[in-house]
Amino acid sequence: MIPVLLGVTIISFSIIHLAPGKPTDIMTELNPKITPEARQRLEKYYGLDKPILVQYGIWLKRIVRLDFGNSFSTDSRPVIDKIWDKNLPLLDRKLSITLLINILSISLILLFAIPIGVYSSTHPYSFFDRVSTVFVFLGFATPAFWLALLLMMLFGVKLGWLPISGLKSLNYSSLSAMMQVFDKAQHLILPVFVSAFGGIAGMSRYMRSSMLEALRNDYIITARAKGLSETAVVYKHALRNALLPIITILCLSIPGLIGGSVIFETIFGIPGMGQLSFQAIMTRDYPVIMGLLFITAVLTLIANLLADVCYAFADPRIRVNKG
């Protein structure tokens, strides 16, 4: 995991510095009276006058101490404070918000994709299977930002059923504890659905394909010959083996879900890591961008590690024999 993480940081650091423009350009472009000497002082202050390898070495030394540095924005706040503001409640911090939305999205994907895929595989070419196939094509073809805007217009503007911006209503502080939970849940419905929509479509098709392959194996024929019920054959024998590729695909989709947070958090005005990433990219705030990329890479690697653990639970053959 450590070499992979190091490689990710090297590539990310190089790409953001190869992009045209510098953080100091945004600070000086709107000031026609700025002098070249002042530009140089700004670049020296932020360490941008050094070669890129030296800049990366300085950043790497800080990151070993879990010091993400200070933001290049006007407030010059530490990056960790922007991501994990201790003054806010736990669920109102940017990292917590993004993790909550992604955990809910993954749960929604698993809740719907696995049953849809299993039923389609046990009833191939049925009406339900054909409808789910159309749903898959729609899910792959529908851009997330377009779907988000349509849902906002329908449920937020025309019907007025759901809020379309932020995580709290204006009267949130005056609500009771139960109503505060209900208010946040209302604000999360549209973002979570938009985040999970494409994943449900794709994962259900992967589940169908994996289950069809598992049902063709010899051990399934043997299980049926022994007189086991179809429920036991499908859910006890076939499903556990069919889950292995699904675990892999789900873990590989986590970076996409976190990356997609930039889109729907910006559209829905959610103050999470995605919105912070968008703001940092637009202002070329290198320390914030690298801090967010580093955290995303760590979360992805942890997810891959959990996938290896899940393999052992899904398939006993993978477990290490200590005997």
Protein backbone atom coordinates (compact mmCIF):
# COMPACT_ATOMS: atom_id res chain seq x y z
CA MET A 1 0.00 0.00 0.00
CA ILE A 2 2.82 2.42 0.82
CA PRO A 3 4.54 2.21 -2.60
CA VAL A 4 1.20 2.64 -4.35
CA LEU A 5 0.37 5.65 -2.18
CA LEU A 6 3.79 7.14 -2.92
CA GLY A 7 3.25 6.65 -6.65
CA VAL A 8 -0.18 8.30 -6.49
CA THR A 9 1.23 11.34 -4.71
CA ILE A 10 4.09 11.70 -7.23
CA ILE A 11 1.73 11.56 -10.22
CA SER A 12 -0.81 13.88 -8.60
CA PHE A 13 1.82 16.41 -7.54
CA SER A 14 3.30 16.44 -11.04
CA ILE A 15 -0.05 16.84 -12.81
CA ILE A 16 -1.28 19.79 -10.76
CA HIS A 17 2.02 21.59 -11.28
CA LEU A 18 1.99 20.90 -15.02
CA ALA A 19 -1.40 22.57 -15.37
CA PRO A 20 -1.13 26.08 -16.86
CA GLY A 21 -1.07 28.96 -14.44
CA LYS A 22 0.06 29.39 -10.84
CA PRO A 23 -1.76 30.21 -7.61
CA THR A 24 -0.08 33.61 -7.61
CA ASP A 25 -1.65 34.43 -10.98
CA ILE A 26 -5.11 34.59 -9.42
CA MET A 27 -3.80 36.89 -6.67
CA THR A 28 -2.11 39.29 -9.11
CA GLU A 29 -4.23 39.26 -12.29
CA LEU A 30 -6.90 41.52 -10.77
CA ASN A 31 -4.29 44.03 -9.60
CA PRO A 32 -2.85 45.96 -12.57
CA LYS A 33 -0.40 47.78 -10.29
CA ILE A 34 1.38 44.61 -9.15
CA THR A 35 5.09 44.61 -9.98
CA PRO A 36 7.22 41.68 -11.20
CA GLU A 37 9.17 41.91 -7.94
CA ALA A 38 5.96 41.47 -5.94
CA ARG A 39 5.09 38.40 -8.03
CA GLN A 40 8.50 36.92 -7.28
CA ARG A 41 8.11 37.60 -3.56
CA LEU A 42 4.74 35.83 -3.60
CA GLU A 43 6.22 32.82 -5.40
CA LYS A 44 9.07 32.69 -2.91
CA TYR A 45 6.65 33.00 0.03
CA TYR A 46 4.66 29.98 -1.16
CA GLY A 47 7.80 28.05 -2.20
CA LEU A 48 6.83 28.03 -5.88
CA ASP A 49 10.22 29.34 -6.97
CA LYS A 50 11.90 26.02 -6.15
CA PRO A 51 12.20 23.09 -8.61
CA ILE A 52 9.23 20.71 -8.58
CA LEU A 53 11.29 17.86 -7.05
CA VAL A 54 12.32 20.10 -4.17
CA GLN A 55 8.70 21.19 -3.66
CA TYR A 56 7.58 17.55 -3.61
CA GLY A 57 10.31 16.66 -1.12
CA ILE A 58 9.18 19.44 1.22
CA TRP A 59 5.55 18.34 0.90
CA LEU A 60 6.48 14.69 1.52
CA LYS A 61 8.38 15.56 4.70
CA ARG A 62 5.32 17.37 6.01
CA ILE A 63 2.90 14.62 5.04
CA VAL A 64 4.91 12.04 6.99
CA ARG A 65 4.05 14.10 10.07
CA LEU A 66 0.42 14.32 8.84
CA ASP A 67 0.95 18.03 8.22
CA PHE A 68 -0.91 19.04 5.05
CA GLY A 69 0.42 22.60 5.17
CA ASN A 70 -1.52 25.84 4.90
CA SER A 71 -3.97 26.82 2.22
CA PHE A 72 -2.95 29.32 -0.46
CA SER A 73 -6.30 31.11 -0.06
CA THR A 74 -6.61 34.46 1.66
CA ASP A 75 -7.45 32.91 5.04
CA SER A 76 -4.21 30.79 5.02
CA ARG A 77 -5.90 28.20 7.23
CA PRO A 78 -4.26 24.81 7.75
CA VAL A 79 -5.54 22.34 5.19
CA ILE A 80 -6.51 19.83 7.88
CA ASP A 81 -8.75 22.46 9.48
CA LYS A 82 -10.56 22.98 6.20
CA ILE A 83 -11.13 19.25 5.79
CA TRP A 84 -11.69 18.33 9.45
CA ASP A 85 -12.92 21.42 11.30
CA LYS A 86 -12.96 20.48 15.00
CA ASN A 87 -15.22 23.40 15.80
CA LEU A 88 -18.09 21.83 13.85
CA PRO A 89 -20.20 18.83 14.90
CA LEU A 90 -18.84 15.50 13.68
CA LEU A 91 -21.42 15.00 10.91
CA ASP A 92 -21.02 18.60 9.68
CA ARG A 93 -17.32 18.27 8.83
CA LYS A 94 -16.42 18.07 5.14
CA LEU A 95 -14.78 14.64 5.33
CA SER A 96 -17.69 13.24 7.35
CA ILE A 97 -20.25 14.61 4.90
CA THR A 98 -18.55 13.07 1.87
CA LEU A 99 -18.00 9.75 3.62
CA LEU A 100 -21.63 9.65 4.77
CA ILE A 101 -22.95 10.27 1.26
CA ASN A 102 -20.65 7.65 -0.26
CA ILE A 103 -21.45 5.05 2.42
CA LEU A 104 -25.17 5.61 1.84
CA SER A 105 -24.61 5.38 -1.92
CA ILE A 106 -22.71 2.09 -1.63
CA SER A 107 -25.39 0.70 0.68
CA LEU A 108 -28.09 1.70 -1.79
CA ILE A 109 -26.16 0.11 -4.66
CA LEU A 110 -25.81 -3.18 -2.80
CA LEU A 111 -29.41 -3.10 -1.55
CA PHE A 112 -30.86 -2.89 -5.06
CA ALA A 113 -28.17 -4.19 -7.43
CA ILE A 114 -27.69 -7.63 -5.85
CA PRO A 115 -31.40 -8.61 -5.73
CA ILE A 116 -31.96 -7.26 -9.26
CA GLY A 117 -28.95 -9.16 -10.59
CA VAL A 118 -29.86 -12.41 -8.82
CA TYR A 119 -33.49 -12.31 -9.97
CA SER A 120 -32.46 -11.49 -13.55
CA SER A 121 -30.00 -14.41 -13.60
CA THR A 122 -32.56 -16.89 -12.28
CA HIS A 123 -35.20 -15.58 -14.73
CA PRO A 124 -33.15 -14.83 -17.86
CA TYR A 125 -34.89 -13.14 -20.79
CA SER A 126 -38.05 -12.61 -18.76
CA PHE A 127 -39.97 -9.34 -18.78
CA PHE A 128 -38.17 -8.22 -15.61
CA ASP A 129 -34.79 -9.06 -17.15
CA ARG A 130 -35.56 -7.03 -20.27
CA VAL A 131 -36.77 -4.06 -18.22
CA SER A 132 -33.64 -4.16 -16.06
CA THR A 133 -31.51 -4.26 -19.23
CA VAL A 134 -33.16 -1.03 -20.42
CA PHE A 135 -32.57 0.44 -16.96
CA VAL A 136 -28.87 -0.45 -17.24
CA PHE A 137 -28.51 1.32 -20.58
CA LEU A 138 -30.27 4.39 -19.19
CA GLY A 139 -28.05 4.35 -16.11
CA PHE A 140 -24.88 4.24 -18.17
CA ALA A 141 -26.07 6.85 -20.66
CA THR A 142 -27.43 9.43 -18.21
CA PRO A 143 -24.89 12.07 -17.09
CA ALA A 144 -24.97 12.62 -13.33
CA PHE A 145 -25.16 16.41 -13.56
CA TRP A 146 -28.09 16.26 -16.02
CA LEU A 147 -29.98 13.78 -13.85
CA ALA A 148 -29.34 15.98 -10.79
CA LEU A 149 -30.77 19.05 -12.54
CA LEU A 150 -33.85 17.14 -13.73
CA LEU A 151 -34.55 15.80 -10.23
CA MET A 152 -34.06 19.25 -8.72
CA MET A 153 -36.56 20.76 -11.16
CA LEU A 154 -39.12 17.98 -10.62
CA PHE A 155 -38.99 17.26 -6.89
CA GLY A 156 -37.66 20.60 -5.70
CA VAL A 157 -39.08 23.31 -7.95
CA LYS A 158 -42.32 21.90 -9.42
CA LEU A 159 -43.51 19.49 -6.72
CA GLY A 160 -41.73 21.08 -3.75
CA TRP A 161 -41.26 17.73 -2.04
CA LEU A 162 -37.51 17.85 -1.43
CA PRO A 163 -34.92 20.57 -0.76
CA ILE A 164 -32.41 21.13 -3.55
CA SER A 165 -29.49 22.82 -1.80
CA GLY A 166 -27.32 22.34 1.27
CA LEU A 167 -27.70 19.88 4.13
CA LYS A 168 -29.88 21.91 6.49
CA SER A 169 -32.94 24.11 6.34
CA LEU A 170 -32.81 27.71 7.52
CA ASN A 171 -34.80 26.82 10.65
CA TYR A 172 -32.66 23.77 11.44
CA SER A 173 -31.48 25.04 14.83
CA SER A 174 -35.07 25.55 16.04
CA LEU A 175 -36.15 21.99 15.16
CA SER A 176 -36.36 19.10 17.61
CA ALA A 177 -33.77 16.32 17.49
CA MET A 178 -36.03 13.98 15.50
CA MET A 179 -36.99 16.72 13.06
CA GLN A 180 -33.32 17.63 12.59
CA VAL A 181 -32.59 14.04 11.56
CA PHE A 182 -35.60 14.09 9.22
CA ASP A 183 -34.48 17.43 7.77
CA LYS A 184 -30.98 16.14 6.99
CA ALA A 185 -32.43 12.95 5.52
CA GLN A 186 -34.59 15.01 3.16
CA HIS A 187 -31.55 16.96 2.00
CA LEU A 188 -29.59 13.74 1.38
CA ILE A 189 -32.21 11.91 -0.73
CA LEU A 190 -31.42 13.53 -4.07
CA PRO A 191 -27.58 13.59 -3.73
CA VAL A 192 -27.44 9.96 -2.60
CA PHE A 193 -29.76 8.82 -5.39
CA VAL A 194 -27.78 10.70 -8.05
CA SER A 195 -24.53 9.23 -6.70
CA ALA A 196 -25.91 5.68 -6.65
CA PHE A 197 -28.00 5.66 -9.84
CA GLY A 198 -25.24 4.70 -12.27
CA GLY A 199 -23.74 2.26 -9.78
CA ILE A 200 -27.04 0.40 -9.33
CA ALA A 201 -27.41 0.04 -13.10
CA GLY A 202 -23.90 -1.27 -13.69
CA MET A 203 -23.60 -3.42 -10.58
CA SER A 204 -26.90 -5.21 -11.25
CA ARG A 205 -25.65 -6.22 -14.70
CA TYR A 206 -22.32 -7.42 -13.28
CA MET A 207 -24.24 -9.38 -10.65
CA ARG A 208 -26.42 -11.00 -13.31
CA SER A 209 -23.42 -12.03 -15.41
CA SER A 210 -21.53 -13.39 -12.40
CA MET A 211 -24.55 -15.36 -11.17
CA LEU A 212 -25.19 -16.88 -14.63
CA GLU A 213 -21.59 -18.06 -14.71
CA ALA A 214 -21.81 -19.50 -11.19
CA LEU A 215 -25.08 -21.33 -11.95
CA ARG A 216 -23.40 -23.16 -14.85
CA ASN A 217 -20.69 -24.72 -12.64
CA ASP A 218 -20.58 -28.45 -11.86
CA TYR A 219 -21.04 -28.00 -8.11
CA ILE A 220 -24.45 -26.39 -8.76
CA ILE A 221 -25.50 -29.46 -10.79
CA THR A 222 -24.26 -31.67 -7.94
CA ALA A 223 -26.17 -29.64 -5.35
CA ARG A 224 -29.38 -29.95 -7.35
CA ALA A 225 -28.79 -33.69 -7.83
CA LYS A 226 -28.57 -34.07 -4.05
CA GLY A 227 -32.09 -32.72 -3.77
CA LEU A 228 -31.30 -29.30 -2.30
CA SER A 229 -33.98 -26.67 -2.68
CA GLU A 230 -33.56 -24.06 -5.40
CA THR A 231 -33.31 -21.36 -2.72
CA ALA A 232 -30.38 -23.14 -1.05
CA VAL A 233 -28.69 -23.72 -4.41
CA VAL A 234 -29.00 -20.09 -5.48
CA TYR A 235 -28.37 -18.22 -2.24
CA LYS A 236 -26.08 -20.59 -0.34
CA HIS A 237 -23.87 -21.98 -3.11
CA ALA A 238 -24.07 -19.81 -6.23
CA LEU A 239 -24.41 -16.37 -4.65
CA ARG A 240 -21.34 -16.62 -2.42
CA ASN A 241 -19.14 -17.50 -5.37
CA ALA A 242 -20.73 -14.88 -7.58
CA LEU A 243 -19.97 -12.14 -5.03
CA LEU A 244 -16.19 -12.29 -5.57
CA PRO A 245 -16.09 -10.21 -8.79
CA ILE A 246 -18.77 -7.91 -7.36
CA ILE A 247 -16.56 -7.15 -4.36
CA THR A 248 -13.70 -6.30 -6.72
CA ILE A 249 -15.84 -4.06 -8.94
CA LEU A 250 -17.40 -2.32 -5.95
CA CYS A 251 -14.01 -1.47 -4.47
CA LEU A 252 -12.76 -0.24 -7.84
CA SER A 253 -15.81 2.03 -8.10
CA ILE A 254 -15.07 3.80 -4.80
CA PRO A 255 -12.63 6.31 -6.38
CA GLY A 256 -15.30 7.10 -8.96
CA LEU A 257 -17.90 7.68 -6.27
CA ILE A 258 -15.59 9.99 -4.33
CA GLY A 259 -14.58 11.76 -7.55
CA GLY A 260 -18.24 12.14 -8.47
CA SER A 261 -18.71 14.04 -5.23
CA VAL A 262 -17.15 17.04 -6.97
CA ILE A 263 -20.10 17.13 -9.38
CA PHE A 264 -23.13 16.57 -7.21
CA GLU A 265 -21.80 18.38 -4.12
CA THR A 266 -21.23 21.45 -6.28
CA ILE A 267 -24.67 21.17 -7.92
CA PHE A 268 -26.52 20.58 -4.64
CA GLY A 269 -24.40 23.06 -2.66
CA ILE A 270 -23.23 20.43 -0.18
CA PRO A 271 -20.22 21.58 1.90
CA GLY A 272 -18.20 18.38 1.56
CA MET A 273 -14.83 17.34 0.16
CA GLY A 274 -16.16 17.48 -3.41
CA GLN A 275 -17.16 21.12 -3.18
CA LEU A 276 -13.89 21.95 -1.44
CA SER A 277 -12.00 20.16 -4.25
CA PHE A 278 -13.81 22.20 -6.89
CA GLN A 279 -13.01 25.46 -5.11
CA ALA A 280 -9.37 24.45 -4.62
CA ILE A 281 -8.96 23.48 -8.28
CA MET A 282 -10.49 26.73 -9.51
CA THR A 283 -8.14 28.77 -7.30
CA ARG A 284 -5.14 26.44 -7.86
CA ASP A 285 -4.82 25.90 -4.13
CA TYR A 286 -2.09 23.22 -4.32
CA PRO A 287 -1.94 22.23 -0.62
CA VAL A 288 -5.71 21.68 -0.41
CA ILE A 289 -5.76 19.72 -3.68
CA MET A 290 -2.91 17.46 -2.56
CA GLY A 291 -4.44 16.99 0.87
CA LEU A 292 -7.76 15.89 -0.64
CA LEU A 293 -6.06 13.62 -3.18
CA PHE A 294 -3.96 12.04 -0.43
CA ILE A 295 -7.02 11.32 1.73
CA THR A 296 -8.91 9.92 -1.29
CA ALA A 297 -5.98 7.64 -2.13
CA VAL A 298 -5.78 6.39 1.46
CA LEU A 299 -9.52 5.66 1.53
CA THR A 300 -9.24 3.78 -1.78
CA LEU A 301 -6.34 1.65 -0.54
CA ILE A 302 -8.21 0.87 2.69
CA ALA A 303 -11.21 -0.18 0.57
CA ASN A 304 -8.99 -2.53 -1.44
CA LEU A 305 -7.67 -4.02 1.79
CA LEU A 306 -11.22 -4.56 3.03
CA ALA A 307 -12.00 -6.24 -0.29
CA ASP A 308 -9.29 -8.83 0.38
CA VAL A 309 -10.83 -9.49 3.79
CA CYS A 310 -14.31 -9.80 2.24
CA TYR A 311 -12.98 -12.38 -0.22
CA ALA A 312 -12.21 -14.69 2.69
CA PHE A 313 -15.72 -14.31 4.11
CA ALA A 314 -17.37 -14.88 0.73
CA ASP A 315 -15.25 -17.86 -0.31
CA PRO A 316 -13.81 -20.21 2.36
CA ARG A 317 -11.23 -21.50 -0.15
CA ILE A 318 -9.39 -18.19 0.04
CA ARG A 319 -8.88 -18.34 3.80
CA VAL A 320 -5.40 -19.23 5.00
CA ASN A 321 -5.17 -22.69 6.55
CA LYS A 322 -3.25 -22.48 9.81
CA GLY A 323 -3.14 -26.23 10.27
